[in-house]
Amino acid sequence: MQVHDAEIIISAVTPKQYPDTGLPEIALAGRSNVGKSSFINKMINRKALARTSSKPGKTQTLNYYLINKEFYFVDVPGYGYAKVSKTERAKWGEMLETYFTQRDVLKHVFLVVDFRHPPTADDVMMKEFIDFYQIPYTVLATKIDKIPRGKWNQHAAQTKKTLQLPSDNHLILFSSETGEGKEQAWKVIQQYLS
């Protein structure tokens, strides 16, 4: 897909703030600092539309990016970041639950995990949550350029096993440095836009 138009529309906290255009939404869920913003920037060939931060726990809102006036990428708050108060975390949890369970135009979720490490308990919980609500998803493993290619199979097997992925749910290996996995990710997105 050629992206010729991308803009951040709103950082929403409540359903009242969600866009009401009826356009499909592709959500990105993952731990803080897993590379969701870098993924968006790579997919749309922009350096910094989605702000990346070296401080985990920065995204505390649902950030809506309108792509080609056709669909939204929705960057949801990163989970599993310890330095956030319990009340903050509970609020995020509530915001995510509301979004994932009540949003009709949510077509697909990319569950973003860090390829360098086995998925965390939070990743497993998120995957079970998405499964429970029967939302279509794809696991996207980022930062693959940080792992020697010879070890990719081993890391991929570990990811699939930890997340108990069904054999038909393919794992996309992604690098925002090299662009590896970008075409595959677009293919998945386009299935849900038609």
N, C-alpha and C. Protein backbone atom coordinates (compact mmCIF):
# COMPACT_ATOMS: atom_id res chain seq x y z
N MET A 1 0.84 -1.19 0.00
CA MET A 1 0.00 0.00 0.00
C MET A 1 0.88 1.25 0.00
N GLN A 2 0.55 2.19 -0.85
CA GLN A 2 1.26 3.47 -0.88
C GLN A 2 0.57 4.42 0.08
N VAL A 3 1.30 4.90 1.07
CA VAL A 3 0.70 5.85 2.01
C VAL A 3 1.07 7.25 1.56
N HIS A 4 0.04 8.02 1.20
CA HIS A 4 0.33 9.39 0.76
C HIS A 4 -0.26 10.40 1.73
N ASP A 5 -0.95 9.89 2.76
CA ASP A 5 -1.60 10.80 3.68
C ASP A 5 -1.68 10.15 5.05
N ALA A 6 -1.07 10.75 6.04
CA ALA A 6 -1.12 10.20 7.39
C ALA A 6 -1.09 11.35 8.39
N GLU A 7 -2.03 11.32 9.33
CA GLU A 7 -2.03 12.38 10.34
C GLU A 7 -2.58 11.86 11.65
N ILE A 8 -2.10 12.44 12.74
CA ILE A 8 -2.66 12.06 14.04
C ILE A 8 -3.92 12.88 14.22
N ILE A 9 -5.01 12.20 14.58
CA ILE A 9 -6.32 12.85 14.65
C ILE A 9 -6.65 13.25 16.08
N ILE A 10 -6.51 12.29 17.00
CA ILE A 10 -6.86 12.59 18.39
C ILE A 10 -6.18 11.61 19.32
N SER A 11 -5.91 12.06 20.53
CA SER A 11 -5.49 11.18 21.61
C SER A 11 -6.71 11.07 22.52
N ALA A 12 -7.36 9.93 22.45
CA ALA A 12 -8.65 9.76 23.13
C ALA A 12 -8.50 9.02 24.45
N VAL A 13 -9.36 9.36 25.40
CA VAL A 13 -9.37 8.67 26.68
C VAL A 13 -10.71 7.96 26.88
N THR A 14 -11.80 8.60 26.41
CA THR A 14 -13.13 8.00 26.59
C THR A 14 -13.78 7.75 25.22
N PRO A 15 -14.74 6.84 25.16
CA PRO A 15 -15.43 6.53 23.91
C PRO A 15 -16.02 7.77 23.23
N LYS A 16 -16.43 8.75 24.03
CA LYS A 16 -16.99 9.98 23.45
C LYS A 16 -16.00 10.67 22.51
N GLN A 17 -14.70 10.43 22.76
CA GLN A 17 -13.67 11.11 21.96
C GLN A 17 -13.26 10.30 20.72
N TYR A 18 -13.67 9.04 20.64
CA TYR A 18 -13.29 8.23 19.48
C TYR A 18 -13.87 8.87 18.23
N PRO A 19 -13.15 8.80 17.10
CA PRO A 19 -13.71 9.33 15.85
C PRO A 19 -15.01 8.60 15.48
N ASP A 20 -15.95 9.33 14.88
CA ASP A 20 -17.22 8.68 14.52
C ASP A 20 -17.38 8.58 13.00
N THR A 21 -16.26 8.40 12.32
CA THR A 21 -16.28 8.34 10.85
C THR A 21 -16.74 6.97 10.33
N GLY A 22 -16.71 5.95 11.21
CA GLY A 22 -17.09 4.60 10.78
C GLY A 22 -15.98 3.89 10.02
N LEU A 23 -14.79 4.51 9.91
CA LEU A 23 -13.68 3.87 9.19
C LEU A 23 -13.10 2.72 10.03
N PRO A 24 -12.58 1.69 9.35
CA PRO A 24 -12.01 0.56 10.09
C PRO A 24 -10.80 0.97 10.93
N GLU A 25 -10.60 0.24 12.02
CA GLU A 25 -9.48 0.52 12.92
C GLU A 25 -8.62 -0.73 13.10
N ILE A 26 -7.31 -0.50 13.04
CA ILE A 26 -6.32 -1.55 13.27
C ILE A 26 -5.57 -1.13 14.53
N ALA A 27 -5.73 -1.92 15.60
CA ALA A 27 -5.12 -1.53 16.88
C ALA A 27 -3.77 -2.19 17.08
N LEU A 28 -2.92 -1.49 17.81
CA LEU A 28 -1.59 -2.01 18.17
C LEU A 28 -1.54 -2.12 19.68
N ALA A 29 -1.42 -3.35 20.16
CA ALA A 29 -1.36 -3.58 21.61
C ALA A 29 -0.02 -4.22 21.93
N GLY A 30 0.58 -3.77 23.00
CA GLY A 30 1.86 -4.36 23.40
C GLY A 30 2.41 -3.66 24.61
N ARG A 31 3.47 -4.24 25.15
CA ARG A 31 4.08 -3.63 26.32
C ARG A 31 4.66 -2.27 25.98
N SER A 32 4.88 -1.49 27.02
CA SER A 32 5.54 -0.20 26.84
C SER A 32 6.90 -0.43 26.19
N ASN A 33 7.25 0.42 25.27
CA ASN A 33 8.58 0.40 24.66
C ASN A 33 8.85 -0.80 23.76
N VAL A 34 7.79 -1.42 23.23
CA VAL A 34 7.98 -2.61 22.42
C VAL A 34 8.19 -2.26 20.94
N GLY A 35 7.90 -0.99 20.60
CA GLY A 35 8.15 -0.56 19.22
C GLY A 35 6.89 -0.30 18.41
N LYS A 36 5.77 0.02 19.08
CA LYS A 36 4.52 0.27 18.35
C LYS A 36 4.62 1.55 17.50
N SER A 37 5.16 2.60 18.09
CA SER A 37 5.29 3.87 17.34
C SER A 37 6.26 3.71 16.18
N SER A 38 7.36 3.00 16.40
CA SER A 38 8.33 2.76 15.32
C SER A 38 7.69 1.96 14.19
N PHE A 39 6.81 1.02 14.56
CA PHE A 39 6.08 0.22 13.56
C PHE A 39 5.23 1.15 12.69
N ILE A 40 4.45 2.03 13.34
CA ILE A 40 3.59 2.96 12.58
C ILE A 40 4.45 3.81 11.65
N ASN A 41 5.51 4.39 12.18
CA ASN A 41 6.37 5.27 11.37
C ASN A 41 6.95 4.53 10.17
N LYS A 42 7.38 3.27 10.39
CA LYS A 42 7.96 2.50 9.29
C LYS A 42 6.89 2.18 8.23
N MET A 43 5.70 1.81 8.69
CA MET A 43 4.63 1.44 7.76
C MET A 43 4.22 2.60 6.87
N ILE A 44 4.29 3.82 7.40
CA ILE A 44 3.83 4.98 6.62
C ILE A 44 5.00 5.79 6.05
N ASN A 45 6.22 5.24 6.17
CA ASN A 45 7.42 5.92 5.66
C ASN A 45 7.59 7.34 6.20
N ARG A 46 7.35 7.49 7.49
CA ARG A 46 7.57 8.79 8.13
C ARG A 46 8.52 8.59 9.29
N LYS A 47 9.32 9.62 9.54
CA LYS A 47 10.29 9.49 10.63
C LYS A 47 9.63 9.60 12.00
N ALA A 48 8.70 10.54 12.15
CA ALA A 48 8.26 10.80 13.52
C ALA A 48 6.82 11.24 13.65
N LEU A 49 5.93 10.66 12.83
CA LEU A 49 4.51 11.00 13.03
C LEU A 49 4.08 10.45 14.39
N ALA A 50 4.37 9.16 14.60
CA ALA A 50 4.10 8.56 15.90
C ALA A 50 5.33 8.82 16.77
N ARG A 51 5.11 9.46 17.89
CA ARG A 51 6.26 9.82 18.74
C ARG A 51 6.77 8.60 19.49
N THR A 52 8.07 8.37 19.32
CA THR A 52 8.69 7.28 20.07
C THR A 52 9.34 7.89 21.30
N SER A 53 9.45 7.10 22.34
CA SER A 53 10.03 7.62 23.57
C SER A 53 10.94 6.58 24.17
N SER A 54 12.02 7.06 24.78
CA SER A 54 12.89 6.10 25.46
C SER A 54 12.35 5.83 26.87
N LYS A 55 11.35 6.64 27.27
CA LYS A 55 10.73 6.43 28.59
C LYS A 55 9.49 5.56 28.42
N PRO A 56 9.52 4.33 28.97
CA PRO A 56 8.33 3.48 28.87
C PRO A 56 7.14 4.13 29.55
N GLY A 57 5.95 3.72 29.14
CA GLY A 57 4.74 4.19 29.80
C GLY A 57 4.30 5.57 29.35
N LYS A 58 4.82 6.04 28.21
CA LYS A 58 4.48 7.39 27.75
C LYS A 58 3.09 7.47 27.13
N THR A 59 2.72 6.44 26.36
CA THR A 59 1.40 6.48 25.72
C THR A 59 0.34 6.16 26.77
N GLN A 60 -0.46 7.15 27.12
CA GLN A 60 -1.48 6.92 28.14
C GLN A 60 -2.87 7.19 27.58
N THR A 61 -2.94 7.31 26.25
CA THR A 61 -4.20 7.56 25.59
C THR A 61 -4.28 6.65 24.37
N LEU A 62 -5.47 6.57 23.76
CA LEU A 62 -5.60 5.84 22.50
C LEU A 62 -5.26 6.85 21.40
N ASN A 63 -4.15 6.66 20.74
CA ASN A 63 -3.73 7.62 19.70
C ASN A 63 -4.21 7.15 18.33
N TYR A 64 -5.03 7.99 17.72
CA TYR A 64 -5.63 7.67 16.42
C TYR A 64 -4.86 8.31 15.29
N TYR A 65 -4.35 7.48 14.37
CA TYR A 65 -3.65 7.96 13.18
C TYR A 65 -4.50 7.63 11.96
N LEU A 66 -4.92 8.64 11.22
CA LEU A 66 -5.73 8.42 10.02
C LEU A 66 -4.79 8.20 8.83
N ILE A 67 -4.95 7.06 8.17
CA ILE A 67 -4.06 6.68 7.08
C ILE A 67 -4.83 6.71 5.76
N ASN A 68 -4.35 7.52 4.81
CA ASN A 68 -4.96 7.62 3.48
C ASN A 68 -6.47 7.90 3.52
N LYS A 69 -6.93 8.47 4.61
CA LYS A 69 -8.38 8.72 4.81
C LYS A 69 -9.20 7.42 4.65
N GLU A 70 -8.52 6.27 4.84
CA GLU A 70 -9.17 4.96 4.64
C GLU A 70 -9.39 4.20 5.94
N PHE A 71 -8.42 4.30 6.85
CA PHE A 71 -8.51 3.55 8.10
C PHE A 71 -7.64 4.24 9.16
N TYR A 72 -7.80 3.77 10.40
CA TYR A 72 -6.97 4.29 11.50
C TYR A 72 -6.04 3.22 12.04
N PHE A 73 -4.81 3.63 12.34
CA PHE A 73 -3.98 2.86 13.26
C PHE A 73 -4.34 3.41 14.63
N VAL A 74 -4.61 2.54 15.59
CA VAL A 74 -4.88 3.01 16.95
C VAL A 74 -3.81 2.43 17.87
N ASP A 75 -2.97 3.32 18.37
CA ASP A 75 -1.89 2.92 19.28
C ASP A 75 -2.47 2.97 20.69
N VAL A 76 -2.61 1.80 21.32
CA VAL A 76 -3.22 1.77 22.65
C VAL A 76 -2.12 1.82 23.71
N PRO A 77 -2.45 2.28 24.93
CA PRO A 77 -1.40 2.42 25.95
C PRO A 77 -0.65 1.12 26.19
N GLY A 78 0.66 1.23 26.30
CA GLY A 78 1.49 0.07 26.59
C GLY A 78 1.19 -0.45 27.99
N TYR A 79 1.19 -1.77 28.13
CA TYR A 79 0.92 -2.35 29.44
C TYR A 79 2.20 -2.87 30.06
N GLY A 80 2.08 -3.27 31.31
CA GLY A 80 3.19 -3.96 31.97
C GLY A 80 4.33 -3.06 32.39
N TYR A 81 4.07 -1.75 32.49
CA TYR A 81 5.17 -0.90 32.92
C TYR A 81 5.06 -0.63 34.41
N ALA A 82 6.05 -1.08 35.17
CA ALA A 82 5.96 -1.12 36.63
C ALA A 82 5.92 0.24 37.32
N LYS A 83 6.52 1.26 36.71
CA LYS A 83 6.63 2.53 37.43
C LYS A 83 5.35 3.36 37.40
N VAL A 84 4.26 2.75 37.01
CA VAL A 84 2.99 3.46 36.95
C VAL A 84 2.17 3.03 38.17
N SER A 85 1.50 3.97 38.80
CA SER A 85 0.74 3.64 40.01
C SER A 85 -0.38 2.64 39.71
N LYS A 86 -0.81 1.96 40.75
CA LYS A 86 -1.88 0.96 40.60
C LYS A 86 -3.16 1.58 40.05
N THR A 87 -3.49 2.77 40.52
CA THR A 87 -4.72 3.44 40.04
C THR A 87 -4.60 3.77 38.56
N GLU A 88 -3.41 4.25 38.16
CA GLU A 88 -3.13 4.56 36.75
C GLU A 88 -3.34 3.30 35.92
N ARG A 89 -2.75 2.20 36.41
CA ARG A 89 -2.83 0.94 35.67
C ARG A 89 -4.27 0.45 35.55
N ALA A 90 -5.03 0.60 36.63
CA ALA A 90 -6.44 0.19 36.62
C ALA A 90 -7.21 1.02 35.60
N LYS A 91 -6.90 2.32 35.54
CA LYS A 91 -7.57 3.20 34.57
C LYS A 91 -7.26 2.77 33.14
N TRP A 92 -5.98 2.44 32.88
CA TRP A 92 -5.59 1.98 31.54
C TRP A 92 -6.36 0.72 31.20
N GLY A 93 -6.39 -0.22 32.17
CA GLY A 93 -7.05 -1.50 31.96
C GLY A 93 -8.50 -1.29 31.56
N GLU A 94 -9.15 -0.38 32.26
CA GLU A 94 -10.55 -0.08 31.99
C GLU A 94 -10.71 0.53 30.60
N MET A 95 -9.81 1.46 30.27
CA MET A 95 -9.86 2.13 28.96
C MET A 95 -9.68 1.10 27.84
N LEU A 96 -8.72 0.19 28.02
CA LEU A 96 -8.47 -0.84 27.00
C LEU A 96 -9.65 -1.78 26.87
N GLU A 97 -10.19 -2.20 28.01
CA GLU A 97 -11.31 -3.13 27.98
C GLU A 97 -12.50 -2.51 27.25
N THR A 98 -12.79 -1.26 27.58
CA THR A 98 -13.90 -0.55 26.93
C THR A 98 -13.66 -0.50 25.42
N TYR A 99 -12.45 -0.13 25.04
CA TYR A 99 -12.14 -0.02 23.61
C TYR A 99 -12.27 -1.37 22.91
N PHE A 100 -11.61 -2.38 23.43
CA PHE A 100 -11.59 -3.68 22.75
C PHE A 100 -12.95 -4.36 22.72
N THR A 101 -13.78 -4.13 23.73
CA THR A 101 -15.04 -4.87 23.80
C THR A 101 -16.21 -4.13 23.16
N GLN A 102 -16.09 -2.80 22.96
CA GLN A 102 -17.25 -2.05 22.49
C GLN A 102 -17.06 -1.38 21.14
N ARG A 103 -15.91 -1.54 20.53
CA ARG A 103 -15.64 -0.80 19.31
C ARG A 103 -15.94 -1.64 18.07
N ASP A 104 -17.08 -1.37 17.44
CA ASP A 104 -17.50 -2.17 16.27
C ASP A 104 -16.53 -2.07 15.10
N VAL A 105 -15.92 -0.91 14.93
CA VAL A 105 -15.06 -0.71 13.75
C VAL A 105 -13.64 -1.24 13.96
N LEU A 106 -13.38 -1.82 15.12
CA LEU A 106 -12.07 -2.45 15.35
C LEU A 106 -12.03 -3.74 14.55
N LYS A 107 -11.17 -3.79 13.54
CA LYS A 107 -11.16 -4.95 12.64
C LYS A 107 -10.06 -5.95 12.97
N HIS A 108 -8.96 -5.47 13.52
CA HIS A 108 -7.81 -6.35 13.71
C HIS A 108 -6.89 -5.76 14.77
N VAL A 109 -6.22 -6.65 15.49
CA VAL A 109 -5.23 -6.20 16.48
C VAL A 109 -3.88 -6.80 16.13
N PHE A 110 -2.86 -5.97 16.13
CA PHE A 110 -1.49 -6.48 16.10
C PHE A 110 -1.04 -6.56 17.55
N LEU A 111 -0.78 -7.77 18.02
CA LEU A 111 -0.21 -7.95 19.35
C LEU A 111 1.30 -7.87 19.17
N VAL A 112 1.88 -6.78 19.66
CA VAL A 112 3.29 -6.49 19.40
C VAL A 112 4.14 -6.99 20.57
N VAL A 113 5.10 -7.88 20.24
CA VAL A 113 6.00 -8.42 21.28
C VAL A 113 7.45 -8.15 20.87
N ASP A 114 8.32 -8.14 21.86
CA ASP A 114 9.75 -7.91 21.63
C ASP A 114 10.40 -9.25 21.33
N PHE A 115 10.91 -9.39 20.10
CA PHE A 115 11.48 -10.66 19.64
C PHE A 115 12.69 -11.11 20.45
N ARG A 116 13.35 -10.16 21.11
CA ARG A 116 14.58 -10.50 21.83
C ARG A 116 14.32 -11.33 23.08
N HIS A 117 13.08 -11.24 23.60
CA HIS A 117 12.76 -11.92 24.85
C HIS A 117 11.49 -12.77 24.68
N PRO A 118 11.36 -13.81 25.49
CA PRO A 118 10.10 -14.56 25.45
C PRO A 118 8.95 -13.63 25.84
N PRO A 119 7.74 -13.84 25.29
CA PRO A 119 6.60 -13.01 25.68
C PRO A 119 6.40 -13.04 27.19
N THR A 120 5.97 -11.93 27.76
CA THR A 120 5.79 -11.82 29.21
C THR A 120 4.40 -12.34 29.60
N ALA A 121 4.19 -12.43 30.91
CA ALA A 121 2.87 -12.83 31.43
C ALA A 121 1.81 -11.84 30.94
N ASP A 122 2.17 -10.55 30.85
CA ASP A 122 1.23 -9.53 30.35
C ASP A 122 0.86 -9.78 28.89
N ASP A 123 1.86 -10.19 28.09
CA ASP A 123 1.60 -10.49 26.68
C ASP A 123 0.62 -11.67 26.58
N VAL A 124 0.85 -12.68 27.40
CA VAL A 124 -0.01 -13.87 27.39
C VAL A 124 -1.43 -13.47 27.79
N MET A 125 -1.54 -12.62 28.82
CA MET A 125 -2.85 -12.18 29.28
C MET A 125 -3.58 -11.39 28.19
N MET A 126 -2.84 -10.53 27.49
CA MET A 126 -3.43 -9.74 26.41
C MET A 126 -3.93 -10.65 25.30
N LYS A 127 -3.13 -11.65 24.96
CA LYS A 127 -3.51 -12.58 23.89
C LYS A 127 -4.77 -13.35 24.30
N GLU A 128 -4.83 -13.77 25.57
CA GLU A 128 -6.01 -14.51 26.04
C GLU A 128 -7.26 -13.61 26.02
N PHE A 129 -7.06 -12.34 26.35
CA PHE A 129 -8.15 -11.37 26.34
C PHE A 129 -8.70 -11.19 24.92
N ILE A 130 -7.79 -11.02 23.95
CA ILE A 130 -8.18 -10.85 22.55
C ILE A 130 -8.90 -12.11 22.06
N ASP A 131 -8.36 -13.27 22.45
CA ASP A 131 -8.99 -14.55 22.09
C ASP A 131 -10.41 -14.64 22.66
N PHE A 132 -10.54 -14.28 23.93
CA PHE A 132 -11.82 -14.39 24.63
C PHE A 132 -12.89 -13.57 23.90
N TYR A 133 -12.51 -12.37 23.45
CA TYR A 133 -13.49 -11.52 22.76
C TYR A 133 -13.52 -11.76 21.25
N GLN A 134 -12.79 -12.79 20.82
CA GLN A 134 -12.79 -13.23 19.41
C GLN A 134 -12.48 -12.08 18.44
N ILE A 135 -11.46 -11.32 18.79
CA ILE A 135 -11.02 -10.25 17.90
C ILE A 135 -9.88 -10.82 17.04
N PRO A 136 -9.97 -10.67 15.71
CA PRO A 136 -8.88 -11.18 14.87
C PRO A 136 -7.56 -10.48 15.23
N TYR A 137 -6.49 -11.26 15.31
CA TYR A 137 -5.20 -10.66 15.66
C TYR A 137 -4.05 -11.36 14.95
N THR A 138 -2.94 -10.66 14.89
CA THR A 138 -1.68 -11.21 14.39
C THR A 138 -0.60 -10.82 15.38
N VAL A 139 0.29 -11.74 15.69
CA VAL A 139 1.41 -11.41 16.57
C VAL A 139 2.53 -10.84 15.72
N LEU A 140 3.01 -9.68 16.13
CA LEU A 140 4.08 -8.98 15.41
C LEU A 140 5.29 -8.91 16.34
N ALA A 141 6.37 -9.58 15.96
CA ALA A 141 7.58 -9.59 16.80
C ALA A 141 8.55 -8.53 16.27
N THR A 142 8.83 -7.53 17.10
CA THR A 142 9.67 -6.40 16.68
C THR A 142 11.13 -6.60 17.10
N LYS A 143 11.97 -5.71 16.58
CA LYS A 143 13.40 -5.64 16.95
C LYS A 143 14.16 -6.89 16.51
N ILE A 144 13.71 -7.51 15.41
CA ILE A 144 14.36 -8.74 14.96
C ILE A 144 15.79 -8.48 14.47
N ASP A 145 16.08 -7.23 14.10
CA ASP A 145 17.44 -6.90 13.65
C ASP A 145 18.45 -6.99 14.80
N LYS A 146 17.96 -7.07 16.04
CA LYS A 146 18.86 -7.16 17.20
C LYS A 146 19.26 -8.62 17.48
N ILE A 147 18.69 -9.55 16.72
CA ILE A 147 18.96 -10.99 16.93
C ILE A 147 19.62 -11.53 15.66
N PRO A 148 20.71 -12.31 15.80
CA PRO A 148 21.31 -12.90 14.59
C PRO A 148 20.28 -13.78 13.87
N ARG A 149 20.26 -13.69 12.55
CA ARG A 149 19.28 -14.41 11.73
C ARG A 149 19.24 -15.90 12.04
N GLY A 150 20.40 -16.48 12.34
CA GLY A 150 20.50 -17.91 12.66
C GLY A 150 19.69 -18.31 13.89
N LYS A 151 19.33 -17.32 14.72
CA LYS A 151 18.58 -17.64 15.94
C LYS A 151 17.10 -17.31 15.82
N TRP A 152 16.68 -16.83 14.64
CA TRP A 152 15.29 -16.43 14.46
C TRP A 152 14.31 -17.57 14.71
N ASN A 153 14.61 -18.76 14.15
CA ASN A 153 13.69 -19.90 14.29
C ASN A 153 13.48 -20.26 15.75
N GLN A 154 14.58 -20.26 16.48
CA GLN A 154 14.53 -20.59 17.91
C GLN A 154 13.65 -19.57 18.66
N HIS A 155 13.86 -18.28 18.39
CA HIS A 155 13.08 -17.23 19.05
C HIS A 155 11.60 -17.29 18.64
N ALA A 156 11.36 -17.56 17.35
CA ALA A 156 9.98 -17.65 16.85
C ALA A 156 9.26 -18.82 17.51
N ALA A 157 9.95 -19.95 17.64
CA ALA A 157 9.35 -21.13 18.27
C ALA A 157 8.98 -20.83 19.73
N GLN A 158 9.89 -20.13 20.40
CA GLN A 158 9.65 -19.76 21.81
C GLN A 158 8.42 -18.84 21.93
N THR A 159 8.32 -17.89 21.01
CA THR A 159 7.19 -16.95 21.03
C THR A 159 5.88 -17.69 20.81
N LYS A 160 5.86 -18.57 19.80
CA LYS A 160 4.64 -19.33 19.48
C LYS A 160 4.23 -20.22 20.65
N LYS A 161 5.23 -20.85 21.27
CA LYS A 161 4.95 -21.77 22.37
C LYS A 161 4.41 -21.00 23.58
N THR A 162 5.07 -19.90 23.94
CA THR A 162 4.66 -19.13 25.12
C THR A 162 3.25 -18.58 24.94
N LEU A 163 2.95 -18.11 23.73
CA LEU A 163 1.63 -17.52 23.48
C LEU A 163 0.60 -18.58 23.07
N GLN A 164 1.06 -19.83 22.96
CA GLN A 164 0.18 -20.93 22.52
C GLN A 164 -0.57 -20.53 21.25
N LEU A 165 0.19 -20.12 20.25
CA LEU A 165 -0.43 -19.68 19.00
C LEU A 165 -0.95 -20.87 18.22
N PRO A 166 -2.16 -20.76 17.69
CA PRO A 166 -2.64 -21.83 16.80
C PRO A 166 -1.74 -21.85 15.57
N SER A 167 -1.60 -23.01 14.97
CA SER A 167 -0.63 -23.13 13.87
C SER A 167 -0.98 -22.23 12.68
N ASP A 168 -2.26 -21.88 12.55
CA ASP A 168 -2.62 -21.05 11.40
C ASP A 168 -2.43 -19.54 11.68
N ASN A 169 -2.10 -19.19 12.93
CA ASN A 169 -1.86 -17.78 13.23
C ASN A 169 -0.38 -17.51 13.00
N HIS A 170 -0.08 -16.92 11.86
CA HIS A 170 1.33 -16.73 11.58
C HIS A 170 1.88 -15.55 12.36
N LEU A 171 3.15 -15.64 12.62
CA LEU A 171 3.87 -14.64 13.38
C LEU A 171 4.61 -13.79 12.35
N ILE A 172 4.48 -12.48 12.45
CA ILE A 172 5.23 -11.61 11.54
C ILE A 172 6.48 -11.12 12.26
N LEU A 173 7.63 -11.39 11.65
CA LEU A 173 8.90 -10.88 12.20
C LEU A 173 9.13 -9.52 11.58
N PHE A 174 9.35 -8.51 12.42
CA PHE A 174 9.37 -7.13 11.94
C PHE A 174 10.57 -6.35 12.44
N SER A 175 11.13 -5.54 11.54
CA SER A 175 12.20 -4.63 11.95
C SER A 175 11.90 -3.23 11.43
N SER A 176 11.83 -2.27 12.34
CA SER A 176 11.61 -0.89 11.89
C SER A 176 12.90 -0.29 11.34
N GLU A 177 14.02 -1.00 11.54
CA GLU A 177 15.30 -0.57 10.97
C GLU A 177 15.39 -0.96 9.49
N THR A 178 15.14 -2.25 9.22
CA THR A 178 15.35 -2.77 7.86
C THR A 178 14.07 -2.82 7.03
N GLY A 179 12.92 -2.76 7.69
CA GLY A 179 11.66 -2.85 6.95
C GLY A 179 11.21 -4.29 6.73
N GLU A 180 11.98 -5.24 7.25
CA GLU A 180 11.59 -6.65 7.16
C GLU A 180 10.20 -6.83 7.79
N GLY A 181 9.32 -7.56 7.10
CA GLY A 181 7.99 -7.84 7.63
C GLY A 181 6.94 -6.80 7.26
N LYS A 182 7.39 -5.69 6.66
CA LYS A 182 6.46 -4.60 6.33
C LYS A 182 5.41 -5.03 5.30
N GLU A 183 5.86 -5.70 4.24
CA GLU A 183 4.93 -6.16 3.20
C GLU A 183 3.90 -7.12 3.78
N GLN A 184 4.39 -8.02 4.62
CA GLN A 184 3.51 -9.02 5.25
C GLN A 184 2.44 -8.33 6.09
N ALA A 185 2.87 -7.31 6.84
CA ALA A 185 1.94 -6.58 7.71
C ALA A 185 0.88 -5.87 6.86
N TRP A 186 1.31 -5.27 5.73
CA TRP A 186 0.34 -4.60 4.84
C TRP A 186 -0.67 -5.60 4.28
N LYS A 187 -0.19 -6.80 3.94
CA LYS A 187 -1.09 -7.83 3.41
C LYS A 187 -2.20 -8.14 4.41
N VAL A 188 -1.79 -8.30 5.68
CA VAL A 188 -2.75 -8.60 6.74
C VAL A 188 -3.76 -7.44 6.85
N ILE A 189 -3.25 -6.22 6.88
CA ILE A 189 -4.13 -5.04 7.03
C ILE A 189 -5.13 -4.99 5.89
N GLN A 190 -4.65 -5.21 4.66
CA GLN A 190 -5.54 -5.08 3.52
C GLN A 190 -6.69 -6.11 3.52
N GLN A 191 -6.41 -7.28 4.10
CA GLN A 191 -7.49 -8.29 4.24
C GLN A 191 -8.67 -7.72 5.04
N TYR A 192 -8.34 -6.88 6.02
CA TYR A 192 -9.37 -6.38 6.94
C TYR A 192 -9.97 -5.05 6.50
N LEU A 193 -9.44 -4.49 5.43
CA LEU A 193 -9.97 -3.22 4.95
C LEU A 193 -10.98 -3.43 3.84
N SER A 194 -10.90 -4.61 3.19
CA SER A 194 -11.81 -4.81 2.05
C SER A 194 -13.18 -5.23 2.52
